[in-house]
Amino acid sequence: MTLLHPSRYLVGLGRAVAIALLLNGGAAIAEGRPAEPGQGNLSPDQVTLSQPDLPALGTWDLYLPEEQIQPRILIRLSDRRVYLYHGDEVVASYPVAIGHPDTPTPTGTYEVFQMVVDPAWQSPWTGEVHPPGPNSALGVRWIGFAEMPNGVIGLHGTPTVSSIGQAASNGCVRMHNADVMALFDQVGVGTMVVVVP
């Protein structure tokens, strides 16, 4: 089998064969021996063209890529837990700390719009910027999902592990560093975040 390219062989193949070549994306599979330079052209009886396998009409969906199920995050404040869903299936669940009653975590539907590895933290009280690291107030990952008048709300790690399971934050959702790293690797910008009471 030899792959014929129209730029080299169209002249001597004849009109029907040339049309078949053009309809086949500019190339065709041919059986036979192509003409050697200076030895003339192939005659139509020297070439057998085979068409590629094409889907039957009405079966185009068999050739589409599989639909990718997008993850989504559910934060259930009463459970003090975050749930990661793929479709209708819970694939992971982590304990969290939520906002203190004076600075509650807002409920509603949001989208992740910030993802930061090793975030620095700026104190809302003093303005001082603290360097990143596992002992930073934001831990080792930040997943921002809600812009509020008093700042951005997100999921993040924390060195204050004793607060996990409590209503103790300024509105953010605190997680163990290992848990927020695992969640971070499974979501992205645009992931839906639903916060319910």
N, C-alpha and C. Protein backbone atom coordinates (compact mmCIF):
# COMPACT_ATOMS: atom_id res chain seq x y z
N MET A 1 0.85 -1.18 0.00
CA MET A 1 0.00 0.00 0.00
C MET A 1 0.88 1.23 0.00
N THR A 2 0.51 2.22 -0.82
CA THR A 2 1.28 3.44 -0.92
C THR A 2 0.35 4.63 -0.76
N LEU A 3 0.76 5.63 -0.02
CA LEU A 3 -0.05 6.82 0.17
C LEU A 3 0.26 7.78 -0.96
N LEU A 4 -0.75 8.08 -1.76
CA LEU A 4 -0.58 9.00 -2.87
C LEU A 4 -0.99 10.40 -2.46
N HIS A 5 -0.24 11.37 -2.86
CA HIS A 5 -0.57 12.77 -2.56
C HIS A 5 -0.93 13.45 -3.86
N PRO A 6 -2.01 14.21 -3.91
CA PRO A 6 -2.51 14.77 -5.18
C PRO A 6 -1.51 15.68 -5.87
N SER A 7 -0.66 16.36 -5.15
CA SER A 7 0.26 17.30 -5.79
C SER A 7 1.24 16.57 -6.72
N ARG A 8 1.46 15.28 -6.51
CA ARG A 8 2.42 14.53 -7.31
C ARG A 8 1.75 13.66 -8.37
N TYR A 9 0.52 13.20 -8.10
CA TYR A 9 -0.06 12.17 -8.96
C TYR A 9 -1.37 12.53 -9.65
N LEU A 10 -1.91 13.72 -9.43
CA LEU A 10 -3.22 14.03 -9.99
C LEU A 10 -3.25 14.00 -11.52
N VAL A 11 -2.18 14.41 -12.15
CA VAL A 11 -2.21 14.60 -13.60
C VAL A 11 -2.59 13.33 -14.34
N GLY A 12 -2.01 12.18 -14.00
CA GLY A 12 -2.25 10.98 -14.78
C GLY A 12 -3.31 10.05 -14.23
N LEU A 13 -4.00 10.41 -13.17
CA LEU A 13 -4.95 9.48 -12.57
C LEU A 13 -6.31 9.48 -13.23
N GLY A 14 -6.61 10.45 -13.95
CA GLY A 14 -7.94 10.51 -14.55
C GLY A 14 -8.89 11.30 -13.68
N ARG A 15 -9.94 11.82 -14.28
CA ARG A 15 -10.84 12.73 -13.58
C ARG A 15 -11.53 12.09 -12.38
N ALA A 16 -12.05 10.87 -12.50
CA ALA A 16 -12.79 10.23 -11.40
C ALA A 16 -11.86 9.98 -10.21
N VAL A 17 -10.66 9.53 -10.49
CA VAL A 17 -9.71 9.24 -9.42
C VAL A 17 -9.28 10.54 -8.74
N ALA A 18 -9.08 11.59 -9.51
CA ALA A 18 -8.68 12.88 -8.95
C ALA A 18 -9.76 13.42 -8.03
N ILE A 19 -11.01 13.30 -8.43
CA ILE A 19 -12.12 13.76 -7.58
C ILE A 19 -12.15 12.96 -6.29
N ALA A 20 -11.93 11.65 -6.39
CA ALA A 20 -11.92 10.81 -5.19
C ALA A 20 -10.80 11.24 -4.24
N LEU A 21 -9.66 11.58 -4.79
CA LEU A 21 -8.56 12.06 -3.96
C LEU A 21 -8.93 13.34 -3.23
N LEU A 22 -9.52 14.27 -3.93
CA LEU A 22 -9.88 15.55 -3.33
C LEU A 22 -10.95 15.39 -2.27
N LEU A 23 -11.93 14.52 -2.51
CA LEU A 23 -12.98 14.29 -1.54
C LEU A 23 -12.47 13.57 -0.30
N ASN A 24 -11.36 12.91 -0.43
CA ASN A 24 -10.80 12.15 0.68
C ASN A 24 -9.74 12.96 1.43
N GLY A 25 -9.91 14.27 1.50
CA GLY A 25 -9.01 15.11 2.29
C GLY A 25 -7.66 15.31 1.64
N GLY A 26 -7.55 15.14 0.34
CA GLY A 26 -6.29 15.39 -0.33
C GLY A 26 -5.36 14.19 -0.34
N ALA A 27 -5.78 13.05 0.15
CA ALA A 27 -4.93 11.87 0.13
C ALA A 27 -5.81 10.64 -0.01
N ALA A 28 -5.25 9.58 -0.54
CA ALA A 28 -6.01 8.34 -0.66
C ALA A 28 -5.07 7.17 -0.49
N ILE A 29 -5.59 6.06 -0.12
CA ILE A 29 -4.81 4.84 -0.03
C ILE A 29 -4.92 4.14 -1.38
N ALA A 30 -3.80 3.84 -1.96
CA ALA A 30 -3.82 3.21 -3.28
C ALA A 30 -3.03 1.92 -3.22
N GLU A 31 -3.51 0.94 -3.96
CA GLU A 31 -2.78 -0.31 -4.10
C GLU A 31 -2.20 -0.32 -5.51
N GLY A 32 -0.97 -0.71 -5.61
CA GLY A 32 -0.29 -0.69 -6.91
C GLY A 32 1.03 0.03 -6.76
N ARG A 33 1.71 0.20 -7.86
CA ARG A 33 3.02 0.82 -7.81
C ARG A 33 2.91 2.20 -8.42
N PRO A 34 3.33 3.26 -7.66
CA PRO A 34 3.28 4.59 -8.25
C PRO A 34 4.32 4.71 -9.36
N ALA A 35 4.07 5.63 -10.24
CA ALA A 35 5.01 5.86 -11.32
C ALA A 35 6.33 6.36 -10.77
N GLU A 36 7.41 5.83 -11.29
CA GLU A 36 8.72 6.33 -10.93
C GLU A 36 8.96 7.61 -11.72
N PRO A 37 9.75 8.52 -11.18
CA PRO A 37 10.02 9.76 -11.94
C PRO A 37 10.59 9.41 -13.32
N GLY A 38 10.02 10.03 -14.33
CA GLY A 38 10.48 9.83 -15.69
C GLY A 38 9.90 8.60 -16.36
N GLN A 39 9.04 7.80 -15.70
CA GLN A 39 8.50 6.58 -16.30
C GLN A 39 7.04 6.72 -16.69
N GLY A 40 6.48 7.90 -16.68
CA GLY A 40 5.10 8.07 -17.07
C GLY A 40 4.17 8.08 -15.88
N ASN A 41 2.89 8.06 -16.16
CA ASN A 41 1.88 8.15 -15.11
C ASN A 41 1.16 6.82 -14.93
N LEU A 42 0.49 6.67 -13.78
CA LEU A 42 -0.32 5.49 -13.54
C LEU A 42 -1.59 5.57 -14.36
N SER A 43 -2.03 4.45 -14.83
CA SER A 43 -3.33 4.42 -15.49
C SER A 43 -4.37 4.06 -14.45
N PRO A 44 -5.64 4.42 -14.66
CA PRO A 44 -6.68 4.13 -13.67
C PRO A 44 -6.78 2.66 -13.30
N ASP A 45 -6.45 1.73 -14.23
CA ASP A 45 -6.56 0.32 -13.88
C ASP A 45 -5.40 -0.16 -13.00
N GLN A 46 -4.39 0.69 -12.78
CA GLN A 46 -3.27 0.33 -11.91
C GLN A 46 -3.51 0.77 -10.47
N VAL A 47 -4.58 1.52 -10.23
CA VAL A 47 -4.81 2.09 -8.90
C VAL A 47 -6.18 1.66 -8.38
N THR A 48 -6.20 1.19 -7.14
CA THR A 48 -7.45 0.89 -6.46
C THR A 48 -7.56 1.80 -5.26
N LEU A 49 -8.60 2.60 -5.22
CA LEU A 49 -8.78 3.52 -4.09
C LEU A 49 -9.72 2.90 -3.08
N SER A 50 -9.42 3.11 -1.81
CA SER A 50 -10.34 2.67 -0.76
C SER A 50 -10.77 3.88 0.05
N GLN A 51 -12.05 4.00 0.28
CA GLN A 51 -12.59 5.11 1.05
C GLN A 51 -12.47 4.83 2.54
N PRO A 52 -12.28 5.87 3.36
CA PRO A 52 -12.23 5.64 4.81
C PRO A 52 -13.60 5.24 5.33
N ASP A 53 -13.61 4.55 6.47
CA ASP A 53 -14.88 4.19 7.10
C ASP A 53 -15.51 5.45 7.66
N LEU A 54 -16.72 5.72 7.27
CA LEU A 54 -17.45 6.89 7.74
C LEU A 54 -18.65 6.44 8.56
N PRO A 55 -19.02 7.22 9.59
CA PRO A 55 -20.20 6.84 10.38
C PRO A 55 -21.46 6.92 9.53
N ALA A 56 -22.39 6.05 9.82
CA ALA A 56 -23.68 6.10 9.13
C ALA A 56 -24.43 7.34 9.60
N LEU A 57 -25.33 7.84 8.75
CA LEU A 57 -26.14 8.99 9.14
C LEU A 57 -26.93 8.64 10.40
N GLY A 58 -26.98 9.58 11.34
CA GLY A 58 -27.74 9.36 12.56
C GLY A 58 -26.93 8.76 13.69
N THR A 59 -25.65 8.44 13.44
CA THR A 59 -24.83 7.87 14.52
C THR A 59 -23.67 8.80 14.90
N TRP A 60 -23.81 10.08 14.61
CA TRP A 60 -22.73 11.03 14.88
C TRP A 60 -22.35 11.08 16.36
N ASP A 61 -23.31 10.80 17.27
CA ASP A 61 -23.02 10.89 18.70
C ASP A 61 -22.01 9.84 19.16
N LEU A 62 -21.83 8.78 18.38
CA LEU A 62 -20.84 7.76 18.73
C LEU A 62 -19.42 8.29 18.61
N TYR A 63 -19.24 9.39 17.88
CA TYR A 63 -17.91 9.91 17.60
C TYR A 63 -17.57 11.17 18.39
N LEU A 64 -18.48 11.59 19.26
CA LEU A 64 -18.21 12.76 20.10
C LEU A 64 -17.42 12.34 21.33
N PRO A 65 -16.61 13.26 21.89
CA PRO A 65 -15.91 12.91 23.14
C PRO A 65 -16.92 12.74 24.26
N GLU A 66 -16.54 11.92 25.26
CA GLU A 66 -17.43 11.71 26.39
C GLU A 66 -17.60 13.01 27.17
N GLU A 67 -18.82 13.24 27.65
CA GLU A 67 -19.10 14.44 28.43
C GLU A 67 -18.36 14.37 29.76
N GLN A 68 -17.66 15.44 30.08
CA GLN A 68 -16.92 15.49 31.34
C GLN A 68 -17.84 16.03 32.44
N ILE A 69 -17.94 15.30 33.53
CA ILE A 69 -18.77 15.73 34.65
C ILE A 69 -17.96 16.71 35.48
N GLN A 70 -18.49 17.90 35.65
CA GLN A 70 -17.79 18.93 36.41
C GLN A 70 -18.03 18.74 37.90
N PRO A 71 -16.98 18.91 38.71
CA PRO A 71 -17.17 18.80 40.16
C PRO A 71 -17.93 20.01 40.69
N ARG A 72 -18.52 19.86 41.85
CA ARG A 72 -19.13 21.00 42.55
C ARG A 72 -18.93 20.80 44.04
N ILE A 73 -18.91 21.91 44.74
CA ILE A 73 -18.66 21.90 46.18
C ILE A 73 -19.95 22.28 46.89
N LEU A 74 -20.30 21.52 47.93
CA LEU A 74 -21.42 21.86 48.80
C LEU A 74 -20.86 22.05 50.20
N ILE A 75 -21.12 23.21 50.78
CA ILE A 75 -20.74 23.48 52.18
C ILE A 75 -22.03 23.51 52.98
N ARG A 76 -22.17 22.53 53.88
CA ARG A 76 -23.36 22.46 54.73
C ARG A 76 -22.95 22.97 56.11
N LEU A 77 -23.37 24.21 56.41
CA LEU A 77 -22.93 24.88 57.63
C LEU A 77 -23.34 24.11 58.89
N SER A 78 -24.54 23.56 58.90
CA SER A 78 -25.01 22.84 60.09
C SER A 78 -24.20 21.57 60.35
N ASP A 79 -23.65 20.98 59.29
CA ASP A 79 -22.83 19.78 59.43
C ASP A 79 -21.37 20.13 59.76
N ARG A 80 -21.01 21.40 59.50
CA ARG A 80 -19.60 21.81 59.60
C ARG A 80 -18.75 20.92 58.69
N ARG A 81 -19.26 20.72 57.45
CA ARG A 81 -18.55 19.87 56.50
C ARG A 81 -18.64 20.45 55.10
N VAL A 82 -17.65 20.13 54.30
CA VAL A 82 -17.67 20.43 52.88
C VAL A 82 -17.73 19.10 52.13
N TYR A 83 -18.57 19.06 51.09
CA TYR A 83 -18.76 17.85 50.29
C TYR A 83 -18.34 18.15 48.85
N LEU A 84 -17.60 17.24 48.26
CA LEU A 84 -17.23 17.36 46.85
C LEU A 84 -18.06 16.37 46.06
N TYR A 85 -18.80 16.88 45.09
CA TYR A 85 -19.67 16.06 44.24
C TYR A 85 -19.10 15.96 42.83
N HIS A 86 -19.27 14.79 42.24
CA HIS A 86 -19.13 14.59 40.79
C HIS A 86 -20.49 14.09 40.34
N GLY A 87 -21.23 14.92 39.64
CA GLY A 87 -22.61 14.58 39.32
C GLY A 87 -23.42 14.54 40.61
N ASP A 88 -24.12 13.44 40.84
CA ASP A 88 -24.92 13.28 42.05
C ASP A 88 -24.18 12.49 43.13
N GLU A 89 -22.93 12.15 42.88
CA GLU A 89 -22.18 11.30 43.81
C GLU A 89 -21.22 12.12 44.66
N VAL A 90 -21.27 11.89 45.97
CA VAL A 90 -20.29 12.51 46.87
C VAL A 90 -19.01 11.70 46.77
N VAL A 91 -17.93 12.37 46.35
CA VAL A 91 -16.66 11.65 46.20
C VAL A 91 -15.68 11.96 47.33
N ALA A 92 -15.97 13.02 48.11
CA ALA A 92 -15.13 13.34 49.26
C ALA A 92 -15.91 14.24 50.21
N SER A 93 -15.54 14.20 51.48
CA SER A 93 -16.17 15.04 52.50
C SER A 93 -15.12 15.37 53.54
N TYR A 94 -15.09 16.63 53.98
CA TYR A 94 -14.07 17.08 54.93
C TYR A 94 -14.71 17.92 56.03
N PRO A 95 -14.21 17.80 57.27
CA PRO A 95 -14.70 18.66 58.35
C PRO A 95 -14.12 20.07 58.20
N VAL A 96 -14.90 21.08 58.61
CA VAL A 96 -14.46 22.47 58.45
C VAL A 96 -14.87 23.30 59.66
N ALA A 97 -14.25 24.46 59.77
CA ALA A 97 -14.72 25.51 60.67
C ALA A 97 -15.42 26.54 59.79
N ILE A 98 -16.50 27.10 60.30
CA ILE A 98 -17.27 28.09 59.54
C ILE A 98 -17.23 29.43 60.26
N GLY A 99 -17.92 30.42 59.71
CA GLY A 99 -17.91 31.75 60.29
C GLY A 99 -18.55 31.81 61.67
N HIS A 100 -17.96 32.64 62.51
CA HIS A 100 -18.51 32.93 63.84
C HIS A 100 -19.88 33.61 63.65
N PRO A 101 -20.80 33.50 64.61
CA PRO A 101 -22.11 34.15 64.46
C PRO A 101 -22.02 35.66 64.17
N ASP A 102 -20.97 36.32 64.65
CA ASP A 102 -20.80 37.75 64.35
C ASP A 102 -20.28 38.00 62.94
N THR A 103 -19.62 37.01 62.36
CA THR A 103 -19.06 37.12 60.99
C THR A 103 -19.39 35.82 60.25
N PRO A 104 -20.67 35.59 59.95
CA PRO A 104 -21.09 34.28 59.40
C PRO A 104 -20.60 34.04 57.98
N THR A 105 -20.47 32.77 57.66
CA THR A 105 -20.20 32.38 56.27
C THR A 105 -21.47 32.62 55.46
N PRO A 106 -21.37 33.36 54.35
CA PRO A 106 -22.59 33.66 53.57
C PRO A 106 -23.13 32.42 52.86
N THR A 107 -24.45 32.32 52.82
CA THR A 107 -25.09 31.23 52.08
C THR A 107 -25.38 31.70 50.65
N GLY A 108 -25.58 30.74 49.77
CA GLY A 108 -25.88 31.08 48.38
C GLY A 108 -25.09 30.21 47.42
N THR A 109 -25.18 30.57 46.14
CA THR A 109 -24.49 29.84 45.08
C THR A 109 -23.42 30.75 44.49
N TYR A 110 -22.21 30.23 44.41
CA TYR A 110 -21.05 31.00 43.96
C TYR A 110 -20.23 30.18 42.99
N GLU A 111 -19.14 30.77 42.50
CA GLU A 111 -18.17 30.06 41.68
C GLU A 111 -16.77 30.36 42.19
N VAL A 112 -15.90 29.37 42.14
CA VAL A 112 -14.50 29.59 42.47
C VAL A 112 -13.91 30.58 41.47
N PHE A 113 -13.27 31.64 41.97
CA PHE A 113 -12.63 32.59 41.06
C PHE A 113 -11.17 32.86 41.43
N GLN A 114 -10.70 32.30 42.53
CA GLN A 114 -9.30 32.43 42.92
C GLN A 114 -8.79 31.10 43.43
N MET A 115 -7.60 30.71 43.01
CA MET A 115 -6.94 29.52 43.54
C MET A 115 -5.47 29.87 43.72
N VAL A 116 -5.00 29.77 44.96
CA VAL A 116 -3.63 30.19 45.26
C VAL A 116 -2.92 29.09 46.05
N VAL A 117 -1.73 28.73 45.60
CA VAL A 117 -0.86 27.83 46.33
C VAL A 117 0.00 28.67 47.27
N ASP A 118 0.11 28.28 48.51
CA ASP A 118 0.89 28.99 49.52
C ASP A 118 0.54 30.49 49.57
N PRO A 119 -0.70 30.80 49.95
CA PRO A 119 -1.12 32.21 49.98
C PRO A 119 -0.50 32.96 51.16
N ALA A 120 -0.20 34.23 50.93
CA ALA A 120 0.18 35.12 52.02
C ALA A 120 -1.12 35.63 52.65
N TRP A 121 -1.05 36.04 53.91
CA TRP A 121 -2.25 36.53 54.60
C TRP A 121 -2.02 37.95 55.11
N GLN A 122 -2.99 38.82 54.83
CA GLN A 122 -2.93 40.18 55.33
C GLN A 122 -3.97 40.34 56.43
N SER A 123 -3.51 40.75 57.60
CA SER A 123 -4.41 40.93 58.73
C SER A 123 -5.42 42.03 58.43
N PRO A 124 -6.73 41.73 58.58
CA PRO A 124 -7.73 42.78 58.35
C PRO A 124 -7.72 43.85 59.45
N TRP A 125 -7.06 43.58 60.55
CA TRP A 125 -7.04 44.52 61.67
C TRP A 125 -5.82 45.44 61.63
N THR A 126 -4.64 44.88 61.28
CA THR A 126 -3.42 45.69 61.31
C THR A 126 -2.90 46.01 59.92
N GLY A 127 -3.34 45.24 58.91
CA GLY A 127 -2.82 45.42 57.55
C GLY A 127 -1.49 44.74 57.32
N GLU A 128 -0.93 44.15 58.36
CA GLU A 128 0.35 43.46 58.24
C GLU A 128 0.21 42.22 57.36
N VAL A 129 1.18 42.03 56.46
CA VAL A 129 1.18 40.86 55.58
C VAL A 129 2.08 39.79 56.18
N HIS A 130 1.52 38.59 56.34
CA HIS A 130 2.24 37.46 56.91
C HIS A 130 2.66 36.53 55.79
N PRO A 131 3.88 36.01 55.84
CA PRO A 131 4.37 35.16 54.75
C PRO A 131 3.60 33.85 54.66
N PRO A 132 3.64 33.22 53.47
CA PRO A 132 2.95 31.94 53.30
C PRO A 132 3.64 30.81 54.04
N GLY A 133 2.90 29.72 54.18
CA GLY A 133 3.45 28.53 54.82
C GLY A 133 2.37 27.81 55.60
N PRO A 134 2.66 26.62 56.09
CA PRO A 134 1.64 25.83 56.79
C PRO A 134 1.15 26.48 58.07
N ASN A 135 1.95 27.38 58.65
CA ASN A 135 1.53 28.07 59.88
C ASN A 135 0.91 29.42 59.61
N SER A 136 0.73 29.77 58.33
CA SER A 136 0.03 31.00 57.97
C SER A 136 -1.45 30.83 58.33
N ALA A 137 -2.13 31.94 58.58
CA ALA A 137 -3.57 31.87 58.89
C ALA A 137 -4.37 31.25 57.75
N LEU A 138 -3.84 31.29 56.52
CA LEU A 138 -4.54 30.70 55.37
C LEU A 138 -4.00 29.32 55.01
N GLY A 139 -3.06 28.81 55.78
CA GLY A 139 -2.53 27.49 55.49
C GLY A 139 -1.82 27.44 54.15
N VAL A 140 -1.92 26.29 53.48
CA VAL A 140 -1.14 26.07 52.27
C VAL A 140 -1.91 26.22 50.96
N ARG A 141 -3.24 26.39 51.04
CA ARG A 141 -4.05 26.58 49.83
C ARG A 141 -5.20 27.55 50.12
N TRP A 142 -5.59 28.29 49.07
CA TRP A 142 -6.71 29.22 49.14
C TRP A 142 -7.60 28.99 47.94
N ILE A 143 -8.91 28.86 48.18
CA ILE A 143 -9.91 28.70 47.12
C ILE A 143 -10.97 29.77 47.35
N GLY A 144 -10.85 30.91 46.68
CA GLY A 144 -11.78 32.02 46.87
C GLY A 144 -13.04 31.84 46.05
N PHE A 145 -14.22 32.08 46.67
CA PHE A 145 -15.47 31.87 45.94
C PHE A 145 -16.51 32.96 46.10
N ALA A 146 -16.37 33.89 47.07
CA ALA A 146 -17.41 34.91 47.26
C ALA A 146 -16.75 36.26 47.59
N GLU A 147 -17.15 37.29 46.85
CA GLU A 147 -16.69 38.65 47.16
C GLU A 147 -17.78 39.33 47.96
N MET A 148 -17.43 39.74 49.16
CA MET A 148 -18.38 40.40 50.06
C MET A 148 -17.89 41.82 50.33
N PRO A 149 -18.77 42.69 50.86
CA PRO A 149 -18.34 44.06 51.16
C PRO A 149 -17.15 44.12 52.12
N ASN A 150 -17.05 43.12 53.00
CA ASN A 150 -15.95 43.13 53.97
C ASN A 150 -14.76 42.28 53.53
N GLY A 151 -14.74 41.80 52.29
CA GLY A 151 -13.60 41.03 51.79
C GLY A 151 -14.01 39.79 51.03
N VAL A 152 -13.02 38.99 50.69
CA VAL A 152 -13.25 37.77 49.92
C VAL A 152 -13.38 36.59 50.88
N ILE A 153 -14.34 35.71 50.60
CA ILE A 153 -14.58 34.51 51.39
C ILE A 153 -14.06 33.32 50.60
N GLY A 154 -13.40 32.39 51.29
CA GLY A 154 -12.89 31.22 50.61
C GLY A 154 -12.69 30.05 51.54
N LEU A 155 -12.31 28.93 50.95
CA LEU A 155 -11.89 27.75 51.70
C LEU A 155 -10.38 27.83 51.81
N HIS A 156 -9.82 27.52 52.95
CA HIS A 156 -8.37 27.58 53.11
C HIS A 156 -7.92 26.69 54.25
N GLY A 157 -6.62 26.42 54.26
CA GLY A 157 -6.04 25.66 55.35
C GLY A 157 -5.91 26.51 56.59
N THR A 158 -5.56 25.88 57.69
CA THR A 158 -5.39 26.63 58.94
C THR A 158 -4.44 25.88 59.87
N PRO A 159 -3.63 26.63 60.62
CA PRO A 159 -2.86 25.98 61.67
C PRO A 159 -3.67 25.81 62.96
N THR A 160 -4.81 26.51 63.03
CA THR A 160 -5.67 26.45 64.23
C THR A 160 -6.63 25.28 64.09
N VAL A 161 -6.08 24.07 64.15
CA VAL A 161 -6.90 22.88 63.90
C VAL A 161 -7.95 22.66 64.98
N SER A 162 -7.76 23.27 66.14
CA SER A 162 -8.77 23.11 67.20
C SER A 162 -10.08 23.80 66.84
N SER A 163 -10.05 24.70 65.84
CA SER A 163 -11.28 25.39 65.44
C SER A 163 -12.12 24.56 64.48
N ILE A 164 -11.55 23.52 63.88
CA ILE A 164 -12.30 22.69 62.94
C ILE A 164 -13.50 22.07 63.65
N GLY A 165 -14.66 22.21 63.03
CA GLY A 165 -15.90 21.73 63.63
C GLY A 165 -16.63 22.82 64.41
N GLN A 166 -16.03 24.01 64.48
CA GLN A 166 -16.62 25.12 65.25
C GLN A 166 -17.05 26.24 64.31
N ALA A 167 -17.84 27.18 64.86
CA ALA A 167 -18.17 28.44 64.18
C ALA A 167 -17.20 29.48 64.73
N ALA A 168 -16.06 29.64 64.06
CA ALA A 168 -14.97 30.39 64.68
C ALA A 168 -14.27 31.38 63.76
N SER A 169 -14.54 31.37 62.46
CA SER A 169 -13.75 32.19 61.53
C SER A 169 -14.42 33.55 61.29
N ASN A 170 -13.74 34.34 60.46
CA ASN A 170 -14.28 35.64 60.05
C ASN A 170 -15.18 35.51 58.82
N GLY A 171 -15.67 34.33 58.56
CA GLY A 171 -16.56 34.09 57.42
C GLY A 171 -16.04 33.04 56.47
N CYS A 172 -14.73 32.84 56.48
CA CYS A 172 -14.14 31.83 55.60
C CYS A 172 -14.40 30.42 56.14
N VAL A 173 -14.04 29.45 55.32
CA VAL A 173 -14.22 28.05 55.67
C VAL A 173 -12.83 27.45 55.86
N ARG A 174 -12.49 27.17 57.11
CA ARG A 174 -11.17 26.63 57.45
C ARG A 174 -11.15 25.12 57.32
N MET A 175 -10.02 24.61 56.83
CA MET A 175 -9.86 23.17 56.65
C MET A 175 -8.48 22.74 57.13
N HIS A 176 -8.34 21.45 57.43
CA HIS A 176 -7.00 20.90 57.66
C HIS A 176 -6.18 21.11 56.39
N ASN A 177 -4.89 21.39 56.53
CA ASN A 177 -4.06 21.62 55.35
C ASN A 177 -4.09 20.45 54.37
N ALA A 178 -4.03 19.23 54.88
CA ALA A 178 -4.05 18.06 53.99
C ALA A 178 -5.38 17.98 53.23
N ASP A 179 -6.47 18.34 53.89
CA ASP A 179 -7.79 18.29 53.25
C ASP A 179 -7.94 19.35 52.17
N VAL A 180 -7.49 20.57 52.46
CA VAL A 180 -7.64 21.64 51.46
C VAL A 180 -6.72 21.37 50.27
N MET A 181 -5.59 20.72 50.49
CA MET A 181 -4.73 20.35 49.36
C MET A 181 -5.43 19.32 48.48
N ALA A 182 -6.08 18.34 49.09
CA ALA A 182 -6.80 17.31 48.32
C ALA A 182 -7.96 17.94 47.54
N LEU A 183 -8.70 18.86 48.17
CA LEU A 183 -9.80 19.53 47.49
C LEU A 183 -9.29 20.40 46.35
N PHE A 184 -8.23 21.13 46.60
CA PHE A 184 -7.63 22.04 45.61
C PHE A 184 -7.30 21.30 44.32
N ASP A 185 -6.80 20.08 44.45
CA ASP A 185 -6.39 19.29 43.28
C ASP A 185 -7.58 18.76 42.48
N GLN A 186 -8.79 18.86 43.00
CA GLN A 186 -9.95 18.29 42.32
C GLN A 186 -10.92 19.33 41.77
N VAL A 187 -10.64 20.61 42.00
CA VAL A 187 -11.53 21.66 41.53
C VAL A 187 -10.73 22.67 40.72
N GLY A 188 -11.42 23.65 40.18
CA GLY A 188 -10.75 24.68 39.40
C GLY A 188 -11.55 25.96 39.38
N VAL A 189 -10.99 26.98 38.76
CA VAL A 189 -11.72 28.23 38.58
C VAL A 189 -13.00 27.92 37.81
N GLY A 190 -14.12 28.41 38.30
CA GLY A 190 -15.42 28.13 37.68
C GLY A 190 -16.20 27.02 38.36
N THR A 191 -15.56 26.27 39.26
CA THR A 191 -16.30 25.24 40.00
C THR A 191 -17.41 25.87 40.84
N MET A 192 -18.61 25.29 40.78
CA MET A 192 -19.73 25.80 41.56
C MET A 192 -19.54 25.50 43.03
N VAL A 193 -19.85 26.50 43.87
CA VAL A 193 -19.81 26.34 45.31
C VAL A 193 -21.19 26.73 45.84
N VAL A 194 -21.85 25.79 46.53
CA VAL A 194 -23.16 26.05 47.11
C VAL A 194 -23.01 25.99 48.62
N VAL A 195 -23.44 27.06 49.30
CA VAL A 195 -23.36 27.12 50.76
C VAL A 195 -24.79 27.12 51.30
N VAL A 196 -25.11 26.14 52.12
CA VAL A 196 -26.46 26.02 52.67
C VAL A 196 -26.37 26.02 54.20
N PRO A 197 -27.47 26.45 54.88
CA PRO A 197 -27.46 26.47 56.36
C PRO A 197 -27.18 25.09 56.96
